[in-house]
């Protein structure tokens, strides 16, 4: 039961990381494509949002690796 929960958490965090990375890529592409309608403030906000999503993805990858290590330890015992 415990192994199932840890494996589920590991996979969930992997999926969260991939989703956050995808969203940050779309925001980055949107901020670098030249558009005359966007102001400097909007581009700055998009870049901050991109950095935020990348930080979230990094956090999720770290958590996923933590749960993977925990799962490996459980399987060894």
Protein backbone atom coordinates (compact mmCIF):
# COMPACT_ATOMS: atom_id res chain seq x y z
CA UNK A 1 0.00 0.00 0.00
CA UNK A 2 2.73 2.47 0.95
CA UNK A 3 4.71 1.69 -2.21
CA UNK A 4 1.65 2.34 -4.36
CA UNK A 5 1.14 5.75 -2.77
CA UNK A 6 4.80 6.75 -3.17
CA UNK A 7 4.83 5.59 -6.80
CA UNK A 8 1.65 7.55 -7.47
CA UNK A 9 3.16 10.69 -5.93
CA UNK A 10 6.34 10.25 -7.97
CA UNK A 11 4.39 9.98 -11.23
CA UNK A 12 2.13 12.91 -10.32
CA UNK A 13 5.10 15.19 -9.67
CA UNK A 14 6.66 14.13 -12.98
CA UNK A 15 3.46 15.06 -14.78
CA UNK A 16 3.22 18.38 -12.93
CA UNK A 17 6.81 19.17 -13.90
CA UNK A 18 6.17 18.39 -17.56
CA UNK A 19 3.00 20.50 -17.58
CA UNK A 20 4.73 23.46 -15.92
CA UNK A 21 7.65 23.18 -18.32
CA UNK A 22 5.27 23.17 -21.30
CA UNK A 23 3.39 26.23 -20.06
CA UNK A 24 6.64 28.10 -19.43
CA UNK A 25 7.81 27.28 -22.96
CA UNK A 26 4.59 28.71 -24.45
CA UNK A 27 4.89 31.84 -22.32
CA UNK A 28 8.52 32.30 -23.32
CA UNK A 29 7.71 31.91 -27.02
CA UNK A 30 4.88 34.40 -26.61
CA UNK A 31 7.17 36.92 -25.00
CA UNK A 32 9.91 36.74 -27.65
CA UNK A 33 7.67 36.80 -30.73
CA UNK A 34 7.55 40.41 -31.87
CA UNK A 35 4.10 41.83 -31.32
CA UNK A 36 3.28 45.51 -31.48
CA UNK A 37 0.34 45.11 -29.09
CA UNK A 38 2.39 44.06 -26.06
CA UNK A 39 3.91 46.73 -23.89
CA UNK A 40 7.14 46.47 -21.96
CA UNK A 41 5.25 45.81 -18.73
CA UNK A 42 3.36 42.90 -20.23
CA UNK A 43 6.52 41.31 -21.60
CA UNK A 44 8.17 41.70 -18.21
CA UNK A 45 5.22 40.02 -16.50
CA UNK A 46 5.32 37.17 -19.02
CA UNK A 47 9.03 36.67 -18.33
CA UNK A 48 8.41 36.64 -14.56
CA UNK A 49 5.60 34.11 -15.08
CA UNK A 50 7.94 32.00 -17.22
CA UNK A 51 10.55 32.05 -14.47
CA UNK A 52 7.89 31.14 -11.90
CA UNK A 53 6.68 28.19 -13.92
CA UNK A 54 10.27 27.02 -14.48
CA UNK A 55 10.93 27.24 -10.73
CA UNK A 56 7.76 25.22 -10.10
CA UNK A 57 8.87 22.60 -12.62
CA UNK A 58 12.29 22.40 -10.95
CA UNK A 59 10.61 21.94 -7.56
CA UNK A 60 8.38 19.16 -8.92
CA UNK A 61 11.34 17.35 -10.49
CA UNK A 62 13.20 17.48 -7.16
CA UNK A 63 10.17 16.09 -5.32
CA UNK A 64 9.75 13.35 -7.92
CA UNK A 65 13.39 12.33 -7.50
CA UNK A 66 12.94 12.30 -3.72
CA UNK A 67 9.97 9.93 -4.01
CA UNK A 68 11.84 7.76 -6.53
CA UNK A 69 14.73 7.41 -4.11
CA UNK A 70 12.28 6.58 -1.32
CA UNK A 71 10.60 3.98 -3.53
CA UNK A 72 13.95 2.39 -4.37
CA UNK A 73 14.79 2.16 -0.67
CA UNK A 74 11.42 0.52 0.02
CA UNK A 75 11.98 -2.07 -2.71
CA UNK A 76 15.44 -2.93 -1.34
CA UNK A 77 14.05 -3.69 2.12
